[in-house]
Protein backbone atom coordinates (compact mmCIF):
# COMPACT_ATOMS: atom_id res chain seq x y z
CA THR A 1 -11.03 16.40 24.46
CA LEU A 2 -7.56 14.82 22.29
CA GLU A 3 -8.34 17.27 18.94
CA GLU A 4 -8.23 19.87 21.70
CA MET A 5 -5.63 19.07 23.73
CA ARG A 6 -3.95 18.55 20.67
CA ALA A 7 -4.59 22.06 19.22
CA MET A 8 -3.77 24.11 22.67
CA ASP A 9 -0.38 21.33 22.60
CA ARG A 10 0.37 23.47 19.18
CA ASP A 11 -0.51 26.17 21.32
CA ARG A 12 2.03 26.85 23.23
CA ILE A 13 4.55 24.72 21.15
CA GLU A 14 4.09 28.14 18.90
CA ALA A 15 3.98 31.15 21.33
CA ALA A 16 7.16 29.35 22.26
CA GLN A 17 9.00 29.97 19.68
CA GLN A 18 7.77 33.70 19.12
CA GLU A 19 8.85 33.88 22.15
CA ALA A 20 12.40 32.53 21.70
CA GLU A 21 12.40 34.51 18.09
CA ALA A 22 11.30 37.79 19.97
CA GLU A 23 14.10 37.34 22.58
CA ALA A 24 16.50 36.73 20.04
CA ARG A 25 15.70 39.92 18.20
CA LEU A 26 16.32 41.05 21.49
CA ASN A 27 19.43 39.99 22.00
CA ILE A 28 20.96 39.73 18.73
CA THR A 29 24.53 40.91 18.65
CA PHE A 30 26.63 43.78 15.86
CA GLY A 31 28.69 40.39 14.68
CA GLU A 32 25.29 38.57 13.85
CA VAL A 33 23.76 41.66 11.70
CA PHE A 34 26.92 42.46 10.39
CA VAL A 35 27.21 39.06 8.98
CA ARG A 36 24.02 39.04 7.44
CA TYR A 37 25.12 42.50 6.22
CA LEU A 38 28.36 41.33 4.22
CA ASP A 39 26.61 38.34 2.58
CA THR A 40 24.73 41.14 0.78
CA LEU A 41 28.74 43.06 -0.44
CA LYS A 42 29.99 41.81 -2.86
CA GLY A 43 34.16 42.41 -4.65
CA GLY A 44 36.51 44.74 -3.00
CA HIS A 45 33.98 46.06 -1.28
CA ARG A 46 33.03 42.88 0.49
CA LYS A 47 36.66 42.55 1.57
CA SER A 48 38.14 46.17 2.58
CA THR A 49 34.41 46.23 4.80
CA GLU A 50 35.35 42.54 6.28
CA SER A 51 38.77 43.40 7.05
CA ARG A 52 37.80 47.09 8.50
CA TYR A 53 35.59 45.09 10.97
CA ARG A 54 37.55 42.37 12.07
CA THR A 55 40.09 45.22 13.03
CA HIS A 56 38.54 48.38 14.39
CA LEU A 57 34.86 46.76 14.64
CA ALA A 58 34.53 43.25 16.38
CA PRO A 59 37.44 43.38 19.23
CA VAL A 60 35.12 46.38 20.53
CA PHE A 61 31.33 45.48 19.61
CA GLY A 62 31.27 42.04 17.52
CA ALA A 63 29.03 40.13 20.81
CA LYS A 64 27.35 43.74 22.08
CA PRO A 65 23.80 43.40 21.33
CA LEU A 66 22.31 46.26 19.11
CA ARG A 67 20.31 47.28 22.18
CA SER A 68 22.78 48.05 24.56
CA ILE A 69 25.33 49.79 22.07
CA SER A 70 24.61 53.80 22.85
CA PRO A 71 26.12 56.84 21.30
CA PHE A 72 28.30 57.05 24.63
CA ASP A 73 30.04 54.15 22.98
CA LEU A 74 30.59 55.41 20.14
CA GLU A 75 32.13 58.62 21.38
CA ARG A 76 34.56 56.30 23.50
CA PHE A 77 35.35 54.67 20.57
CA LYS A 78 36.19 57.61 18.64
CA SER A 79 38.22 58.50 21.55
CA GLN A 80 40.29 55.26 21.74
CA ALA A 81 40.29 55.48 17.65
CA LYS A 82 41.87 58.40 18.44
CA THR A 83 44.72 57.34 20.60
CA ARG A 84 45.62 54.05 18.20
CA ILE A 85 46.15 57.13 15.41
CA LEU A 86 43.78 56.40 13.31
CA SER A 87 43.05 59.37 10.88
CA ALA A 88 40.00 60.64 10.43
CA LYS A 89 38.86 59.83 7.36
CA SER A 90 39.50 55.59 8.64
CA ILE A 91 36.98 56.54 11.93
CA HIS A 92 34.37 58.44 9.42
CA HIS A 93 34.27 54.52 7.99
CA ASP A 94 34.04 52.72 11.09
CA LEU A 95 31.33 55.06 12.23
CA CYS A 96 29.35 54.66 8.85
CA ILE A 97 29.52 50.72 8.76
CA VAL A 98 27.85 50.88 12.30
CA ARG A 99 25.59 53.72 10.89
CA THR A 100 24.66 50.80 8.03
CA VAL A 101 24.59 48.11 10.12
CA PHE A 102 21.86 49.30 12.58
CA ARG A 103 20.33 50.76 9.34
CA LYS A 104 19.69 47.03 7.95
CA ALA A 105 18.82 45.30 11.12
CA ALA A 106 15.92 48.05 11.33
CA ALA A 107 15.11 47.75 7.89
CA TRP A 108 15.12 43.61 8.01
CA GLY A 109 12.47 43.84 11.51
CA LEU A 110 15.35 42.57 13.66
CA TYR A 111 15.90 45.59 15.60
CA SER A 112 13.90 48.32 16.62
CA GLY A 113 15.47 51.10 18.70
CA GLY A 114 16.98 54.66 17.37
CA ASN A 115 20.26 54.78 15.51
CA PRO A 116 22.82 55.65 17.68
CA CYS A 117 25.06 56.97 14.94
CA ASP A 118 22.08 59.16 14.30
CA LYS A 119 24.39 61.21 17.57
CA VAL A 120 26.75 61.35 17.22
CA ALA A 121 29.66 63.39 15.31
CA PHE A 122 30.97 62.24 12.79
CA PRO A 123 34.76 63.91 12.24
CA LYS A 124 34.58 66.01 9.88
CA LEU A 125 37.27 65.30 6.21
CA ASN A 126 39.81 67.65 4.74
CA ASN A 127 40.56 65.52 2.15
CA LYS A 128 40.28 67.02 -1.21
CA ARG A 129 43.91 66.54 -2.94
CA ILE A 130 46.13 69.38 -3.80
CA ARG A 131 48.69 67.53 -6.11
CA TYR A 132 48.20 66.76 -9.65
CA LEU A 133 51.01 65.94 -12.34
CA SER A 134 52.89 67.95 -14.48
CA ILE A 135 53.36 66.95 -17.94
CA GLU A 136 57.16 65.12 -17.39
CA GLU A 137 55.88 63.71 -14.33
CA ALA A 138 53.31 61.88 -16.09
CA HIS A 139 55.47 60.63 -18.53
CA THR A 140 58.32 60.25 -15.95
CA LEU A 141 55.60 57.61 -14.73
CA LEU A 142 54.36 55.89 -17.28
CA ALA A 143 57.45 55.35 -18.62
CA ALA A 144 58.83 53.66 -15.33
CA LEU A 145 55.90 51.81 -14.88
CA ARG A 146 56.00 50.37 -19.02
CA GLU A 147 59.15 48.98 -17.65
CA ARG A 148 59.06 47.05 -14.20
CA SER A 149 54.76 46.20 -14.99
CA PRO A 150 53.22 46.78 -18.32
CA GLN A 151 49.10 45.97 -16.75
CA THR A 152 50.37 48.30 -13.79
CA ALA A 153 51.30 50.61 -16.66
CA ASP A 154 48.07 50.74 -18.64
CA GLN A 155 45.96 50.68 -15.54
CA ALA A 156 47.38 53.98 -14.77
CA LEU A 157 47.34 55.17 -18.64
CA LEU A 158 43.52 54.22 -17.63
CA ALA A 159 42.95 56.74 -14.81
CA LEU A 160 45.00 59.38 -16.18
CA HIS A 161 43.09 59.63 -19.54
CA CYS A 162 39.63 58.36 -19.00
CA GLY A 163 39.70 59.75 -15.29
CA LEU A 164 38.76 56.30 -14.00
CA ARG A 165 38.68 55.03 -9.89
CA ALA A 166 41.29 51.91 -8.86
CA GLY A 167 38.26 50.01 -8.35
CA GLU A 168 36.65 50.67 -11.91
CA VAL A 169 39.78 50.15 -13.50
CA LEU A 170 40.05 47.06 -11.63
CA ASP A 171 35.44 46.11 -12.66
CA LEU A 172 36.38 46.89 -16.44
CA ARG A 173 35.11 43.33 -18.88
CA TRP A 174 35.75 43.27 -22.35
CA GLY A 175 31.60 43.72 -23.20
CA ASN A 176 32.38 47.62 -21.63
CA LEU A 177 34.41 48.79 -24.51
CA ASP A 178 32.61 49.70 -27.00
CA PHE A 179 35.26 50.13 -29.49
CA LYS A 180 32.93 51.81 -32.30
CA ALA A 181 32.17 55.19 -30.58
CA ARG A 182 35.05 55.19 -28.17
CA VAL A 183 33.60 54.83 -25.42
CA ILE A 184 33.69 52.78 -21.67
CA HIS A 185 30.54 51.88 -19.53
CA LEU A 186 31.07 51.88 -16.34
CA PHE A 187 28.00 50.44 -14.22
CA ASP A 188 27.73 52.67 -10.79
CA PRO A 189 26.10 50.03 -8.65
CA LYS A 190 25.14 53.10 -5.56
CA ALA A 191 23.91 55.03 -8.40
CA GLY A 192 22.27 51.81 -9.68
CA GLU A 193 22.66 53.13 -13.39
CA SER A 194 25.09 53.46 -16.61
CA GLN A 195 27.74 56.41 -17.39
CA GLN A 196 30.31 56.50 -19.28
CA ALA A 197 34.00 56.90 -20.22
CA PHE A 198 35.49 58.32 -23.69
CA MET A 199 38.88 56.75 -24.94
CA THR A 200 41.55 59.29 -26.07
CA ASP A 201 43.93 57.47 -29.12
CA GLN A 202 46.30 56.21 -26.53
CA VAL A 203 43.91 54.37 -24.67
CA GLU A 204 41.59 52.53 -27.83
CA GLU A 205 45.57 51.49 -29.15
CA MET A 206 46.36 49.86 -25.43
CA LEU A 207 43.45 47.73 -24.96
CA LEU A 208 43.30 46.48 -28.47
CA SER A 209 46.75 45.34 -28.52
CA ARG A 210 45.26 43.35 -24.19
CA LEU A 211 42.28 42.11 -27.17
CA PRO A 212 42.81 37.86 -26.47
CA GLU A 213 41.85 36.67 -29.79
CA ASN A 214 38.94 34.19 -28.12
CA VAL A 215 38.29 36.82 -26.30
CA ARG A 216 34.85 36.30 -24.39
CA PRO A 217 32.64 39.99 -23.19
CA ALA A 218 32.50 38.78 -19.02
CA ASP A 219 36.39 37.95 -18.96
CA TYR A 220 38.51 41.11 -17.37
CA ILE A 221 40.94 43.68 -19.00
CA PHE A 222 43.24 42.56 -15.94
CA PRO A 223 42.63 39.83 -14.80
CA GLY A 224 44.16 38.53 -11.79
CA ARG A 225 46.10 35.42 -11.21
CA ASP A 226 42.95 32.74 -10.83
CA GLY A 227 41.55 35.12 -13.73
CA GLY A 228 39.15 36.29 -11.24
CA ARG A 229 39.33 40.47 -10.20
CA GLN A 230 42.18 41.64 -9.25
CA PHE A 231 42.26 42.45 -5.39
CA GLY A 232 44.01 45.69 -5.60
CA ILE A 233 46.16 47.76 -7.92
CA SER A 234 50.07 46.08 -7.35
CA CYS A 235 52.44 47.75 -5.35
CA THR A 236 54.15 48.02 -7.55
CA PHE A 237 52.90 51.67 -8.57
CA VAL A 238 53.54 52.36 -4.72
CA ARG A 239 57.74 51.31 -5.30
CA THR A 240 57.67 53.33 -8.66
CA VAL A 241 56.59 56.50 -7.11
CA ALA A 242 58.97 56.39 -4.11
CA ASP A 243 61.99 54.91 -6.39
CA LEU A 244 60.84 58.20 -8.97
CA GLY A 245 60.91 60.05 -5.45
CA LEU A 246 57.14 61.72 -5.96
CA ASN A 247 56.67 62.12 -2.24
CA ASP A 248 59.72 62.60 -1.02
CA GLY A 249 59.88 65.18 1.78
CA VAL A 250 55.68 65.54 1.85
CA ASP A 251 54.26 65.24 4.84
CA ASP A 252 50.27 66.07 3.91
CA ALA A 253 48.89 63.01 3.09
CA ARG A 254 46.85 65.54 0.29
CA GLU A 255 49.82 66.42 -1.55
CA ARG A 256 50.99 62.35 -2.17
CA VAL A 257 50.99 60.72 -5.39
CA VAL A 258 49.02 57.99 -5.24
CA PHE A 259 46.85 56.01 -7.44
CA HIS A 260 44.01 58.78 -7.61
CA SER A 261 45.69 61.25 -7.52
CA LEU A 262 46.13 59.99 -11.21
CA ARG A 263 42.82 60.72 -11.32
CA HIS A 264 42.31 64.19 -9.85
CA THR A 265 45.45 64.88 -12.79
CA PHE A 266 42.34 64.02 -15.41
CA CYS A 267 40.66 66.68 -13.47
CA SER A 268 42.75 69.25 -13.95
CA TRP A 269 44.62 68.75 -16.16
CA LEU A 270 40.76 69.84 -17.99
CA ALA A 271 40.43 73.10 -16.17
CA LEU A 272 43.79 74.13 -16.77
CA GLN A 273 42.86 73.76 -20.41
CA GLY A 274 39.45 76.08 -19.57
CA THR A 275 37.15 73.10 -20.22
CA PRO A 276 33.90 74.46 -18.38
CA LEU A 277 32.97 72.51 -14.69
CA TYR A 278 29.90 71.53 -15.91
CA SER A 279 31.99 69.41 -18.29
CA ILE A 280 34.56 68.21 -15.58
CA GLN A 281 31.60 67.59 -14.06
CA ARG A 282 30.26 64.95 -16.80
CA LEU A 283 33.88 63.75 -17.79
CA ALA A 284 34.66 62.20 -14.15
CA ARG A 285 31.34 61.35 -13.67
CA HIS A 286 31.13 63.86 -10.49
CA LYS A 287 27.68 63.11 -8.30
CA SER A 288 27.39 67.26 -7.70
CA ILE A 289 28.99 69.95 -9.03
CA ALA A 290 30.06 71.05 -5.48
CA MET A 291 33.00 67.81 -6.01
CA THR A 292 33.97 69.83 -8.98
CA GLU A 293 33.73 73.10 -7.91
CA ARG A 294 37.53 72.14 -6.01
CA TYR A 295 39.53 72.14 -9.66
CA ALA A 296 37.55 76.24 -10.79
CA HIS A 297 40.45 77.58 -9.39
CA LEU A 298 42.47 76.33 -12.07
CA ALA A 299 40.68 77.11 -14.60
CA PRO A 300 42.02 80.52 -16.80
CA ASP A 301 40.26 82.95 -15.02
CA HIS A 302 37.89 85.44 -17.64
CA LYS A 303 36.39 86.91 -15.23
CA GLN A 304 38.47 90.16 -16.40
CA ASP A 305 37.87 89.53 -20.86
CA ALA A 306 34.17 88.62 -20.26
CA VAL A 307 34.00 92.37 -17.91
CA ASN A 308 36.27 93.80 -20.61
CA GLY A 309 33.96 92.67 -23.70
CA MET A 310 31.06 93.80 -22.67
CA ALA A 311 32.22 97.19 -21.79
CA ALA A 312 33.34 97.12 -25.68
CA MET A 313 30.33 95.91 -26.86
CA PHE A 314 29.04 99.02 -24.45
CA ALA A 315 31.80 101.60 -26.53
CA GLU A 316 30.51 100.51 -29.69
CA GLY A 317 27.03 100.83 -28.72
CA ALA A 318 27.57 104.08 -27.46
CA GLY A 319 29.35 105.72 -31.12
CA GLU A 320 26.48 103.61 -32.78
CA VAL A 321 23.97 106.15 -30.69
CA LYS A 322 26.19 109.19 -30.88
CA GLN A 323 26.84 108.42 -35.19
CA ALA A 324 22.78 107.83 -34.79
CA ALA A 325 21.51 111.36 -33.16
CA ALA A 326 24.23 113.18 -35.18
CA GLY A 327 23.51 111.77 -38.60
CA GLY A 328 19.26 112.95 -37.91
CA LYS A 329 20.45 116.73 -36.90
CA ARG A 330 22.16 116.91 -39.86
CA ALA A 331 18.88 115.70 -42.00
CA ARG A 332 17.32 118.08 -39.67
CA ARG A 333 19.13 120.84 -41.18
């Protein structure tokens, strides 16, 4: 019948569509999935990820179907990256993007194969910062920044006194501040939770001096030129460090003074004054105590004092026992 013929046509069209969709999923490229993944990112993380993809990954994997990317391809990518003198950290970040793209494709039903990154050894990173600023260096740096860029100096003060990361400084809005409790509320999108940093007198004074008259909670404390989020810390910081000679003769990247060195200095100073590691972990908002243990060597060595105190307590107890025993003998006599 005519109705049956129409039903058969609909079935054929539907089957053809399903076959085309299956074929598209089978041949979906790394670049196509990356575009969808990029749409889930925001702010500076989106920009840095897009830049890394465009520079490092797109020429190699952009047009390649996911199903044709093998562990061998990733190993070859690692080797070629090394010849381009990319650091282990940079290669590690690139592979993390590849791994995430495969995971997202599987979660979205666009890919059903295995993740080739699971069979590839990621470069081992040894990027633990060693260098921290002395009190004199910190004062000199802040003073020099104040002369050139008051905003950069204020950002550096937040990192140094509150242990804020560059991204956390740039994300700050006036609604994050509680002047009554002297607390800065920070939202960690990865952990999905709110954390706190604490104002010092200098930080509170600086923030109050920047407070506009008609402030709105959603306004950025350090806005960019268009009033939106500032993309990154001003190059004034790098130039000032160079002019002060803080990195002269320093070849080890871990010893070089960068903006993150201010946060590292914050943790180091806490350790030097004997702050317990657990408290440093909470103040620095480290995810695990293992991240904080790098500062343990800076803490005053109280181990010998503790042992001596225990021995003194034991000796005092022994003396009391002897006195009690002597008193008992006299009583029996």
